[in-house]
Amino acid sequence: MAIEKRRGKQREKREKENNLDEVKLLFLISAICRGRSDSTACSKYFPYSHIVLADKTTVNRSVGKCIRPDVCECKQVGFYSAGSFCDICSPINNCDLEYCTTKTDQKCRKCEGLVQDRPGYRAYILSADKRSCEKACSWRPDSRCYPGTCRDELFSNCGCKDGFTGSYCQRITAIPDILYNQVTLTADNGETVDAPGDFGSGSPQPLTWTNIMKPKDLYYSFRSNYYKPSPTRPPFVVDYKVGIIDGRIRFTKYGRNGVQTQTTSCSTISKDNPNQGIFDCTKTIQPTFSVPFQHLERLSFKITTSIGGFVKIKDLERNVYNTYYYTPNSLSREYEIKFDNVPPYHCQTVNNCNKTMLTDIDILKKAENTVYWDHWVDDDSGIAIYELEIFSLKSVGNELMIDKRTFNTKTTLKNQRFNVPLPGVYSVILAVVDKAGNVRLTRRCLIFEDKNHVSTVQNTNLTPTSALPSTNYTWQQKHGPVTIDWENRYVNTKHHNGKYLAGIQDYHGLVSEYDDHYGTRTTKPIDNFQVSANFCKAHI
């Protein structure tokens, strides 16, 4: 009896389970979503949105299962159940793959531009709350940052190294150093003028003056340098060169008939081949502008060096290389040469002023003396320096000419103390030099005699010419004046042998109006009667 009762309960349980399965089946067969019960009932196409799977597959159609009337089950990543269909998660900017359970709780599983999930290999970084993708410093054109560093890998934290600026550190603000700059003009005779005055200093500098009116060539030399910063390279930076990319000099002639220019550049460097470190540029060229220069025309020269270069970046997504050029920056220095071929002058030659051209000493009794000068003028470049030279003279034939230089000095003062070593005749020559190198000479002659030695000439006598010749000039018959003749009786041997009174030879470059025509010892010869200028008489 008990067995039959137990069997009846089991039978009843099986019937209930069978009925439940029938109900479930019936429910499944009858589940309708959006009026459809087929396999696409929960599916929807999203033409303006999509998700990107890990294998780079793009998906813009949802797939789901209608499990109850207007209730879809959505297990596809990037989609969620919106009731009667599977809706796509709301997009997150720059996210490839969102996940969500509602329209507003979306989060990102993978940001776009992910090559490897480690620094330097991703274009965007997932935020801590996974609600946004933040731009990383990367290989992409809109997020490169080099030479620079990115704190926390974020492009918004891009910090350019010193000397660079801009959104991508693409603009150079550093300037090159110009360590040395020189221009030399050379004349046919080999004379040169250098500019600027200090090769190692920048501009402005004082004007350079020259009297080389017809330079046959122009020599220029300048040295510049730049040392680039080199931060650690991220994996996508494959090459980086910054340095001197251009060096050039431009000459500009400002002449009476207009302006002419001539430009020449240094070779071997460019934005693709920058010089890193010290760069020298030296060359000799011939002028293409017209020469000779005229008085007061000008020649300027402008030296310019530029920093530039490039960074080469590998696109890790497409496996291609892109080269980006930096916006260059330059430094220029400009100098000027002015031409002057008019020498200085003294006011005596212009308006007969009473100022001292050069002290006229004539006879010097002591070895040490001082000469003075004043009121020399140069209207253009200005007087640069005075050079005083003293030469001993020697006799050649009937003239005195330069023998040895005994004194030489340069000064900006208007007086000079000097010494002469030995008795003799000397030429004191003052050269007045202007800043262009034009020279005006003036000369004064002097005799230095510290002791006067006069002796009688052998076989000569004092001759009383008022006495009778017949008495061998012993007796005078008439009362009255007694006339004595001592011509050729007395002699200063040093004067006579050294021809102290002879004419003095012309000096090259000295024009007559600036020569010694004044005083007792000029350039002209002095007649010598070999007489005594001083005498005493006595009655016996």
Protein backbone atom coordinates (compact mmCIF):
# COMPACT_ATOMS: atom_id res chain seq x y z
CA MET A 1 0.00 0.00 0.00
CA ALA A 2 2.78 2.40 0.86
CA ILE A 3 4.62 1.46 -2.33
CA GLU A 4 1.65 2.31 -4.53
CA LYS A 5 1.24 5.62 -2.78
CA ARG A 6 4.88 6.55 -3.40
CA ARG A 7 4.63 5.59 -7.06
CA GLY A 8 1.57 7.79 -7.45
CA LYS A 9 3.45 10.88 -6.17
CA GLN A 10 6.32 10.27 -8.59
CA ARG A 11 3.91 10.00 -11.47
CA GLU A 12 2.28 13.23 -10.49
CA LYS A 13 5.68 15.03 -10.33
CA ARG A 14 6.63 13.84 -13.81
CA GLU A 15 3.35 15.08 -15.20
CA LYS A 16 3.92 18.55 -13.68
CA GLU A 17 7.46 18.75 -15.13
CA ASN A 18 6.19 17.72 -18.54
CA ASN A 19 3.51 20.34 -18.34
CA LEU A 20 6.13 23.00 -17.39
CA ASP A 21 8.36 22.06 -20.33
CA GLU A 22 5.36 22.31 -22.61
CA VAL A 23 4.63 25.77 -21.24
CA LYS A 24 8.24 26.86 -21.72
CA LEU A 25 8.34 25.57 -25.25
CA LEU A 26 5.08 27.23 -25.95
CA PHE A 27 6.47 30.49 -24.55
CA LEU A 28 9.60 30.26 -26.61
CA ILE A 29 7.75 29.59 -29.73
CA SER A 30 5.48 32.50 -29.06
CA ALA A 31 8.26 35.16 -27.94
CA ILE A 32 8.00 38.14 -30.31
CA CYS A 33 10.29 41.20 -30.33
CA ARG A 34 9.31 44.23 -32.43
CA GLY A 35 6.69 42.06 -34.10
CA ARG A 36 9.21 39.44 -35.20
CA SER A 37 10.19 36.11 -33.80
CA ASP A 38 13.02 35.24 -36.21
CA SER A 39 16.76 35.36 -35.49
CA THR A 40 17.02 39.01 -36.52
CA ALA A 41 14.27 40.21 -34.24
CA CYS A 42 16.78 41.88 -31.85
CA SER A 43 19.23 42.99 -34.54
CA LYS A 44 19.71 46.62 -35.64
CA TYR A 45 22.05 48.39 -38.09
CA PHE A 46 23.86 51.52 -36.96
CA PRO A 47 25.10 53.40 -40.04
CA TYR A 48 26.72 56.26 -38.08
CA SER A 49 28.31 54.35 -35.25
CA HIS A 50 30.40 51.26 -34.79
CA ILE A 51 32.68 49.37 -32.47
CA VAL A 52 36.14 47.98 -33.21
CA LEU A 53 36.99 44.56 -31.88
CA ALA A 54 40.41 43.45 -30.68
CA ASP A 55 41.13 41.89 -34.06
CA LYS A 56 40.39 45.30 -35.73
CA THR A 57 37.06 44.06 -37.05
CA THR A 58 34.51 46.85 -37.34
CA VAL A 59 30.98 45.99 -36.18
CA ASN A 60 27.97 48.25 -36.74
CA ARG A 61 25.11 45.71 -36.50
CA SER A 62 23.82 44.31 -33.24
CA VAL A 63 22.96 40.64 -32.66
CA GLY A 64 20.68 39.33 -29.87
CA LYS A 65 18.04 36.83 -28.83
CA CYS A 66 14.38 37.52 -28.15
CA ILE A 67 13.83 35.69 -24.87
CA ARG A 68 10.43 37.10 -23.97
CA PRO A 69 8.04 39.33 -25.75
CA ASP A 70 9.96 42.54 -26.55
CA VAL A 71 12.82 41.48 -24.36
CA CYS A 72 16.16 40.85 -26.08
CA GLU A 73 19.17 39.19 -24.60
CA CYS A 74 22.34 40.98 -25.87
CA LYS A 75 25.66 39.32 -25.16
CA GLN A 76 27.65 41.02 -27.93
CA VAL A 77 30.40 43.36 -26.62
CA GLY A 78 29.56 47.00 -27.24
CA PHE A 79 25.81 46.50 -27.19
CA TYR A 80 23.18 46.28 -24.48
CA SER A 81 19.51 45.28 -24.22
CA ALA A 82 17.23 48.18 -24.91
CA GLY A 83 14.14 45.96 -24.51
CA SER A 84 12.91 44.93 -27.93
CA PHE A 85 16.33 45.26 -29.65
CA CYS A 86 20.06 45.34 -28.95
CA ASP A 87 21.25 48.94 -28.93
CA ILE A 88 24.85 50.12 -29.36
CA CYS A 89 26.57 51.69 -26.37
CA SER A 90 26.79 55.47 -26.44
CA PRO A 91 30.09 56.44 -28.05
CA ILE A 92 33.12 57.65 -26.13
CA ASN A 93 35.41 59.84 -28.18
CA ASN A 94 38.40 57.95 -29.50
CA CYS A 95 37.24 54.68 -27.98
CA ASP A 96 37.18 51.62 -30.20
CA LEU A 97 35.22 49.39 -27.88
CA GLU A 98 32.66 50.56 -25.34
CA TYR A 99 30.63 48.42 -22.95
CA CYS A 100 27.50 49.35 -21.04
CA THR A 101 24.18 48.21 -19.54
CA THR A 102 22.27 51.43 -20.22
CA LYS A 103 22.48 54.35 -22.59
CA THR A 104 24.42 56.44 -20.07
CA ASP A 105 26.71 54.12 -18.13
CA GLN A 106 29.07 53.40 -21.03
CA LYS A 107 32.75 52.75 -20.36
CA CYS A 108 35.66 52.10 -22.67
CA ARG A 109 37.43 48.79 -22.88
CA LYS A 110 39.98 49.80 -25.55
CA CYS A 111 40.97 53.23 -26.87
CA GLU A 112 41.69 53.61 -30.54
CA GLY A 113 45.29 53.70 -31.79
CA LEU A 114 46.45 50.94 -29.49
CA VAL A 115 49.44 49.07 -30.92
CA GLN A 116 50.66 47.64 -27.64
CA ASP A 117 49.35 48.39 -24.21
CA ARG A 118 52.48 50.12 -22.96
CA PRO A 119 53.94 53.66 -23.13
CA GLY A 120 55.01 54.81 -26.58
CA TYR A 121 52.75 52.39 -28.39
CA ARG A 122 49.34 53.93 -27.89
CA ALA A 123 47.70 57.00 -29.37
CA TYR A 124 45.19 57.36 -26.55
CA ILE A 125 45.25 56.41 -22.90
CA LEU A 126 42.25 55.05 -20.98
CA SER A 127 41.29 57.23 -18.04
CA ALA A 128 41.16 55.76 -14.57
CA ASP A 129 37.34 55.65 -14.57
CA LYS A 130 37.33 54.25 -18.10
CA ARG A 131 34.90 56.94 -19.15
CA SER A 132 37.25 58.74 -21.57
CA CYS A 133 40.24 58.28 -23.83
CA GLU A 134 42.92 60.97 -23.46
CA LYS A 135 45.32 61.84 -26.25
CA ALA A 136 48.81 60.50 -25.70
CA CYS A 137 52.05 61.82 -27.16
CA SER A 138 52.49 59.58 -30.15
CA TRP A 139 53.46 59.19 -33.79
CA ARG A 140 50.33 60.89 -35.02
CA PRO A 141 50.73 64.30 -36.68
CA ASP A 142 48.45 65.98 -34.15
CA SER A 143 50.12 64.58 -31.05
CA ARG A 144 53.85 64.52 -31.62
CA CYS A 145 55.94 66.22 -28.94
CA TYR A 146 59.62 66.15 -29.72
CA PRO A 147 62.05 67.28 -28.53
CA GLY A 148 59.92 67.28 -25.44
CA THR A 149 58.57 65.11 -22.68
CA CYS A 150 55.00 64.17 -21.78
CA ARG A 151 54.17 63.80 -18.13
CA ASP A 152 51.93 60.78 -17.58
CA GLU A 153 52.29 60.15 -21.31
CA LEU A 154 49.57 62.74 -22.01
CA PHE A 155 49.82 65.13 -24.94
CA SER A 156 48.17 67.80 -22.82
CA ASN A 157 51.30 67.65 -20.65
CA CYS A 158 53.73 68.08 -23.55
CA GLY A 159 56.69 70.12 -22.34
CA CYS A 160 59.15 71.28 -25.01
CA LYS A 161 62.85 71.35 -24.30
CA ASP A 162 64.62 74.70 -24.03
CA GLY A 163 64.84 76.40 -27.39
CA PHE A 164 61.65 74.83 -28.79
CA THR A 165 58.02 75.82 -28.59
CA GLY A 166 54.68 75.28 -30.30
CA SER A 167 51.94 72.68 -29.95
CA TYR A 168 54.28 69.99 -31.26
CA CYS A 169 57.63 71.58 -30.27
CA GLN A 170 57.94 72.33 -33.97
CA ARG A 171 59.16 75.93 -33.72
CA ILE A 172 62.74 76.75 -32.76
CA THR A 173 63.22 79.73 -30.46
CA ALA A 174 66.90 79.13 -29.74
CA ILE A 175 69.36 81.25 -31.68
CA PRO A 176 72.77 80.14 -32.88
CA ASP A 177 75.93 81.64 -31.48
CA ILE A 178 78.13 83.54 -33.93
CA LEU A 179 81.54 83.11 -32.37
CA TYR A 180 83.57 84.90 -35.02
CA ASN A 181 82.89 87.10 -38.03
CA GLN A 182 85.35 88.77 -40.37
CA VAL A 183 85.39 90.41 -43.76
CA THR A 184 88.63 91.46 -45.47
CA LEU A 185 88.89 93.68 -48.54
CA THR A 186 92.11 93.28 -50.51
CA ALA A 187 93.50 95.79 -53.00
CA ASP A 188 95.60 95.03 -56.06
CA ASN A 189 98.75 96.08 -54.20
CA GLY A 190 98.01 93.66 -51.36
CA GLU A 191 96.77 96.20 -48.86
CA THR A 192 93.87 94.99 -46.75
CA VAL A 193 91.18 96.29 -44.44
CA ASP A 194 89.35 94.10 -41.91
CA ALA A 195 85.88 94.57 -40.52
CA PRO A 196 84.46 94.72 -37.95
CA GLY A 197 86.96 96.03 -35.45
CA ASP A 198 86.37 93.12 -33.07
CA PHE A 199 85.88 89.82 -34.90
CA GLY A 200 84.52 88.11 -31.81
CA SER A 201 81.84 90.62 -30.88
CA GLY A 202 78.37 91.14 -32.21
CA SER A 203 76.79 94.21 -33.71
CA PRO A 204 76.53 97.10 -33.50
CA GLN A 205 80.18 98.02 -33.76
CA PRO A 206 81.83 101.26 -34.87
CA LEU A 207 81.93 101.96 -38.58
CA THR A 208 85.01 100.65 -40.39
CA TRP A 209 86.69 103.19 -42.69
CA THR A 210 88.99 102.41 -45.60
CA ASN A 211 90.72 104.08 -48.51
CA ILE A 212 90.85 100.85 -50.54
CA MET A 213 88.57 102.15 -53.25
CA LYS A 214 89.00 99.24 -55.66
CA PRO A 215 89.01 95.91 -53.80
CA LYS A 216 89.87 93.02 -56.07
CA ASP A 217 88.39 90.37 -53.81
CA LEU A 218 86.33 89.91 -50.66
CA TYR A 219 87.29 87.37 -48.04
CA TYR A 220 84.76 86.38 -45.42
CA SER A 221 84.91 83.98 -42.53
CA PHE A 222 82.44 83.30 -39.78
CA ARG A 223 81.93 80.58 -37.21
CA SER A 224 78.69 79.66 -35.50
CA ASN A 225 77.52 76.81 -33.34
CA TYR A 226 74.45 75.18 -31.86
CA TYR A 227 74.06 72.14 -29.68
CA LYS A 228 70.61 70.56 -29.71
CA PRO A 229 68.82 69.06 -26.71
CA SER A 230 68.45 65.30 -26.96
CA PRO A 231 65.76 63.94 -24.67
CA THR A 232 65.07 60.22 -24.52
CA ARG A 233 63.52 59.10 -27.77
CA PRO A 234 60.17 57.35 -27.66
CA PRO A 235 60.00 54.20 -29.82
CA PHE A 236 58.35 56.00 -32.74
CA VAL A 237 61.11 58.67 -33.13
CA VAL A 238 63.62 57.03 -35.46
CA ASP A 239 65.77 60.05 -36.43
CA TYR A 240 66.26 63.59 -35.17
CA LYS A 241 68.73 66.19 -36.40
CA VAL A 242 68.85 69.88 -35.55
CA GLY A 243 71.71 72.27 -36.22
CA ILE A 244 72.95 75.02 -38.51
CA ILE A 245 71.03 74.66 -41.78
CA ASP A 246 72.03 77.91 -43.47
CA GLY A 247 74.88 80.37 -43.36
CA ARG A 248 75.08 83.27 -45.75
CA ILE A 249 76.51 86.73 -46.22
CA ARG A 250 74.93 89.56 -48.14
CA PHE A 251 76.98 92.52 -49.33
CA THR A 252 75.11 95.72 -50.13
CA LYS A 253 76.79 98.62 -51.87
CA TYR A 254 75.18 102.01 -51.29
CA GLY A 255 76.59 104.05 -54.13
CA ARG A 256 75.89 107.36 -55.75
CA ASN A 257 74.12 105.56 -58.58
CA GLY A 258 71.92 103.28 -56.45
CA VAL A 259 72.04 100.10 -54.41
CA GLN A 260 73.65 96.81 -55.49
CA THR A 261 73.67 93.50 -53.61
CA GLN A 262 75.66 90.30 -53.73
CA THR A 263 74.74 87.22 -51.67
CA THR A 264 76.66 84.00 -51.21
CA SER A 265 75.80 80.96 -49.11
CA CYS A 266 77.74 78.23 -47.39
CA SER A 267 77.45 74.86 -49.06
CA THR A 268 77.01 71.33 -47.65
CA ILE A 269 74.28 72.23 -45.14
CA SER A 270 70.51 72.22 -45.45
CA LYS A 271 67.39 71.38 -43.46
CA ASP A 272 67.98 67.74 -44.42
CA ASN A 273 71.64 67.91 -43.48
CA PRO A 274 72.05 70.29 -40.53
CA ASN A 275 75.47 70.89 -39.06
CA GLN A 276 75.43 69.81 -35.45
CA GLY A 277 78.00 71.65 -33.33
CA ILE A 278 80.51 74.19 -34.64
CA PHE A 279 80.16 75.36 -38.23
CA ASP A 280 82.81 77.30 -40.16
CA CYS A 281 82.15 79.16 -43.38
CA THR A 282 85.10 80.73 -45.20
CA LYS A 283 85.45 81.86 -48.79
CA THR A 284 87.08 84.41 -51.06
CA ILE A 285 84.90 85.91 -53.77
CA GLN A 286 85.19 88.62 -56.37
CA PRO A 287 82.77 91.54 -56.13
CA THR A 288 79.94 91.58 -58.65
CA PHE A 289 78.96 95.12 -57.72
CA SER A 290 80.68 98.00 -59.46
CA VAL A 291 84.11 99.19 -58.34
CA PRO A 292 85.95 101.44 -57.66
CA PHE A 293 84.03 103.02 -54.84
CA GLN A 294 83.61 106.76 -54.72
CA HIS A 295 84.39 108.94 -51.75
CA LEU A 296 81.88 108.38 -48.89
CA GLU A 297 80.11 105.43 -50.54
CA ARG A 298 79.26 102.52 -48.23
CA LEU A 299 79.44 98.74 -48.23
CA SER A 300 77.42 96.83 -45.63
CA PHE A 301 77.62 93.11 -45.01
CA LYS A 302 75.06 91.03 -43.17
CA ILE A 303 75.95 87.59 -41.82
CA THR A 304 73.02 85.26 -41.11
CA THR A 305 73.01 81.77 -39.64
CA SER A 306 69.86 79.68 -39.16
CA ILE A 307 68.96 76.73 -36.95
CA GLY A 308 66.65 74.09 -38.33
CA GLY A 309 66.31 70.39 -38.95
CA PHE A 310 63.83 67.58 -38.79
CA VAL A 311 62.37 64.73 -36.82
CA LYS A 312 61.54 61.43 -38.52
CA ILE A 313 58.65 59.53 -36.99
CA LYS A 314 57.44 56.00 -37.66
CA ASP A 315 53.67 55.58 -37.84
CA LEU A 316 53.30 52.47 -35.72
CA GLU A 317 49.78 51.85 -36.98
CA ARG A 318 50.53 51.97 -40.70
CA ASN A 319 54.24 51.13 -40.59
CA VAL A 320 55.22 54.20 -42.67
CA TYR A 321 57.67 57.02 -41.97
CA ASN A 322 56.88 60.74 -41.86
CA THR A 323 59.43 63.56 -41.76
CA TYR A 324 58.51 66.82 -40.06
CA TYR A 325 60.67 69.94 -40.46
CA TYR A 326 61.15 72.40 -37.65
CA THR A 327 60.35 76.07 -38.16
CA PRO A 328 63.85 77.59 -38.24
CA ASN A 329 65.22 80.54 -36.31
CA SER A 330 68.03 82.85 -37.36
CA LEU A 331 70.59 85.28 -36.03
CA SER A 332 71.99 88.11 -38.14
CA ARG A 333 74.82 90.53 -37.60
CA GLU A 334 75.36 93.54 -39.80
CA TYR A 335 78.39 95.77 -40.17
CA GLU A 336 79.42 98.60 -42.47
CA ILE A 337 82.52 99.81 -44.28
CA LYS A 338 82.74 103.38 -45.53
CA PHE A 339 85.14 104.67 -48.14
CA ASP A 340 87.27 107.79 -47.72
CA ASN A 341 90.21 108.75 -49.91
CA VAL A 342 90.68 112.34 -48.73
CA PRO A 343 93.61 112.83 -46.31
CA PRO A 344 93.59 115.13 -43.27
CA TYR A 345 94.65 118.77 -43.61
CA HIS A 346 95.88 121.61 -41.49
CA CYS A 347 94.04 124.91 -41.21
CA GLN A 348 97.14 126.84 -42.37
CA THR A 349 96.65 125.47 -45.87
CA VAL A 350 92.97 126.44 -45.94
CA ASN A 351 92.60 129.78 -44.16
CA ASN A 352 96.17 130.62 -43.18
CA CYS A 353 95.46 130.11 -39.50
CA ASN A 354 98.15 130.83 -36.94
CA LYS A 355 98.02 127.38 -35.37
CA THR A 356 101.04 125.11 -35.13
CA MET A 357 101.35 122.56 -37.90
CA LEU A 358 104.52 121.20 -36.27
CA THR A 359 107.02 122.95 -34.00
CA ASP A 360 109.88 124.48 -35.98
CA ILE A 361 112.96 124.07 -33.77
CA ASP A 362 115.78 124.77 -36.30
CA ILE A 363 118.74 124.72 -33.89
CA LEU A 364 118.78 122.29 -31.00
CA LYS A 365 121.28 122.72 -28.20
CA LYS A 366 120.22 119.80 -26.03
CA ALA A 367 119.35 116.22 -26.85
CA GLU A 368 115.92 116.26 -25.22
CA ASN A 369 113.12 118.39 -26.53
CA THR A 370 109.37 118.47 -27.21
CA VAL A 371 107.43 119.16 -30.39
CA TYR A 372 103.83 120.29 -30.61
CA TRP A 373 101.08 120.34 -33.20
CA ASP A 374 97.47 121.43 -33.28
CA HIS A 375 94.37 122.04 -35.41
CA TRP A 376 94.71 119.14 -37.77
CA VAL A 377 91.34 118.30 -39.33
CA ASP A 378 89.70 115.34 -41.10
CA ASP A 379 86.13 116.08 -42.12
CA ASP A 380 85.05 112.50 -42.86
CA SER A 381 86.47 109.51 -41.01
CA GLY A 382 88.27 111.62 -38.43
CA ILE A 383 91.86 111.53 -37.24
CA ALA A 384 92.89 108.21 -35.80
CA ILE A 385 96.48 108.70 -34.72
CA TYR A 386 99.65 110.74 -35.05
CA GLU A 387 102.97 109.08 -35.85
CA LEU A 388 106.18 110.96 -35.15
CA GLU A 389 109.43 109.82 -36.75
CA ILE A 390 112.87 111.39 -36.49
CA PHE A 391 115.59 110.54 -39.02
CA SER A 392 119.24 111.41 -39.02
CA LEU A 393 120.46 112.73 -42.37
CA LYS A 394 123.59 111.93 -44.30
CA SER A 395 125.27 113.73 -47.16
CA VAL A 396 125.09 112.25 -50.63
CA GLY A 397 126.70 114.52 -53.19
CA ASN A 398 125.55 118.01 -52.49
CA GLU A 399 122.37 116.93 -50.67
CA LEU A 400 121.31 115.56 -47.36
CA MET A 401 119.09 112.48 -47.39
CA ILE A 402 117.51 110.04 -44.93
CA ASP A 403 120.03 107.88 -43.10
CA LYS A 404 118.63 106.16 -39.99
CA ARG A 405 115.44 106.39 -38.01
CA THR A 406 116.34 107.40 -34.47
CA PHE A 407 112.88 107.83 -33.00
CA ASN A 408 109.41 106.52 -33.74
CA THR A 409 106.16 106.64 -31.78
CA LYS A 410 102.42 106.74 -32.27
CA THR A 411 100.14 108.83 -30.12
CA THR A 412 96.72 110.40 -29.91
CA LEU A 413 98.16 113.39 -28.04
CA LYS A 414 99.26 116.64 -29.65
CA ASN A 415 102.80 116.77 -28.32
CA GLN A 416 105.70 114.43 -27.97
CA ARG A 417 108.97 114.46 -26.04
CA PHE A 418 111.96 113.05 -27.91
CA ASN A 419 115.72 112.63 -27.80
CA VAL A 420 118.32 112.88 -30.54
CA PRO A 421 121.40 110.71 -29.97
CA LEU A 422 124.26 112.59 -31.67
CA PRO A 423 124.99 116.01 -33.16
CA GLY A 424 123.86 116.30 -36.75
CA VAL A 425 121.02 117.27 -39.03
CA TYR A 426 117.62 115.65 -38.52
CA SER A 427 114.25 115.51 -40.17
CA VAL A 428 111.25 115.48 -37.85
CA ILE A 429 108.30 113.98 -39.76
CA LEU A 430 104.75 113.94 -38.43
CA ALA A 431 102.26 111.61 -40.14
CA VAL A 432 98.63 112.49 -39.48
CA VAL A 433 96.56 109.35 -40.17
CA ASP A 434 92.78 109.25 -40.45
CA LYS A 435 90.58 106.24 -39.69
CA ALA A 436 90.50 105.23 -43.35
CA GLY A 437 94.29 105.05 -43.55
CA ASN A 438 94.83 108.29 -45.46
CA VAL A 439 98.05 110.03 -44.43
CA ARG A 440 99.18 113.64 -44.49
CA LEU A 441 102.88 114.29 -43.82
CA THR A 442 104.57 117.40 -42.54
CA ARG A 443 108.29 117.92 -41.90
CA ARG A 444 110.60 120.14 -39.91
CA CYS A 445 114.40 120.14 -40.12
CA LEU A 446 116.80 120.86 -37.29
CA ILE A 447 120.47 120.90 -36.44
CA PHE A 448 121.54 119.40 -33.13
CA GLU A 449 124.81 120.85 -31.89
CA ASP A 450 125.49 120.62 -28.19
CA LYS A 451 129.06 122.04 -28.54
CA ASN A 452 130.34 124.50 -31.11
CA HIS A 453 133.91 123.71 -32.22
CA VAL A 454 135.36 126.44 -34.50
CA SER A 455 138.99 126.25 -35.63
CA THR A 456 141.20 128.07 -38.13
CA VAL A 457 141.96 126.78 -41.53
CA GLN A 458 145.59 125.96 -42.09
CA ASN A 459 147.57 128.45 -44.25
CA THR A 460 144.96 131.21 -43.87
CA ASN A 461 145.33 134.55 -42.14
CA LEU A 462 143.39 137.55 -41.06
CA THR A 463 143.84 139.98 -43.95
CA PRO A 464 143.64 143.79 -43.33
CA THR A 465 142.34 144.65 -46.75
CA SER A 466 142.58 148.42 -46.04
CA ALA A 467 146.41 148.08 -45.92
CA LEU A 468 148.67 148.33 -48.95
CA PRO A 469 149.01 145.12 -50.95
CA SER A 470 152.57 146.13 -51.80
CA THR A 471 153.45 145.86 -48.14
CA ASN A 472 151.84 142.44 -48.03
CA TYR A 473 148.93 144.07 -46.18
CA THR A 474 151.24 145.12 -43.37
CA TRP A 475 151.06 148.98 -43.57
CA GLN A 476 148.12 151.27 -44.01
CA GLN A 477 148.93 154.81 -45.23
CA LYS A 478 145.62 156.53 -44.60
CA HIS A 479 144.04 157.29 -41.35
CA GLY A 480 140.54 155.93 -41.07
CA PRO A 481 138.72 152.63 -40.76
CA VAL A 482 140.67 149.41 -40.74
CA THR A 483 139.05 146.64 -42.73
CA ILE A 484 139.83 143.01 -41.82
CA ASP A 485 138.85 140.02 -43.99
CA TRP A 486 138.61 136.53 -42.46
CA GLU A 487 136.56 134.72 -45.10
CA ASN A 488 137.53 131.02 -45.32
CA ARG A 489 139.69 131.57 -42.22
CA TYR A 490 137.46 129.75 -39.70
CA VAL A 491 135.73 126.41 -39.96
CA ASN A 492 133.37 124.16 -37.94
CA THR A 493 134.70 120.80 -39.02
CA LYS A 494 131.54 118.86 -38.14
CA HIS A 495 129.40 121.31 -40.05
CA HIS A 496 131.71 121.36 -42.98
CA ASN A 497 132.31 117.63 -43.28
CA GLY A 498 128.69 116.70 -42.49
CA LYS A 499 127.40 119.36 -44.88
CA TYR A 500 124.99 120.58 -42.22
CA LEU A 501 123.98 123.47 -44.45
CA ALA A 502 123.35 121.48 -47.64
CA GLY A 503 119.92 121.24 -49.20
CA ILE A 504 117.67 118.43 -47.96
CA GLN A 505 116.23 115.90 -50.34
CA ASP A 506 112.46 115.73 -50.91
CA TYR A 507 110.56 113.14 -48.90
CA HIS A 508 108.25 110.74 -50.69
CA GLY A 509 104.58 111.55 -50.17
CA LEU A 510 105.22 114.98 -48.65
CA VAL A 511 103.65 117.85 -50.58
CA SER A 512 105.40 121.17 -50.68
CA GLU A 513 102.90 123.22 -48.65
CA TYR A 514 103.44 120.89 -45.69
CA ASP A 515 107.26 120.89 -45.94
CA ASP A 516 109.71 123.03 -43.95
CA HIS A 517 109.89 126.45 -45.55
CA TYR A 518 110.12 128.42 -42.32
CA GLY A 519 112.88 129.38 -39.91
CA THR A 520 116.65 129.25 -40.31
CA ARG A 521 117.16 125.55 -41.17
CA THR A 522 114.72 124.77 -43.92
CA THR A 523 115.07 122.25 -46.72
CA LYS A 524 116.97 124.81 -48.80
CA PRO A 525 120.81 124.95 -48.79
CA ILE A 526 122.48 127.66 -46.68
CA ASP A 527 125.53 129.49 -48.04
CA ASN A 528 128.61 128.96 -45.87
CA PHE A 529 131.35 131.63 -46.00
CA GLN A 530 133.35 129.95 -43.27
CA VAL A 531 133.49 133.05 -41.15
CA SER A 532 133.02 133.62 -37.49
CA ALA A 533 129.67 135.06 -36.55
CA ASN A 534 130.99 136.32 -33.21
CA PHE A 535 134.32 138.07 -32.61
CA CYS A 536 136.11 140.30 -30.10
CA LYS A 537 138.47 143.19 -30.84
CA ALA A 538 141.26 144.76 -28.79
CA HIS A 539 143.58 147.76 -29.24
CA ILE A 540 147.25 147.10 -28.64
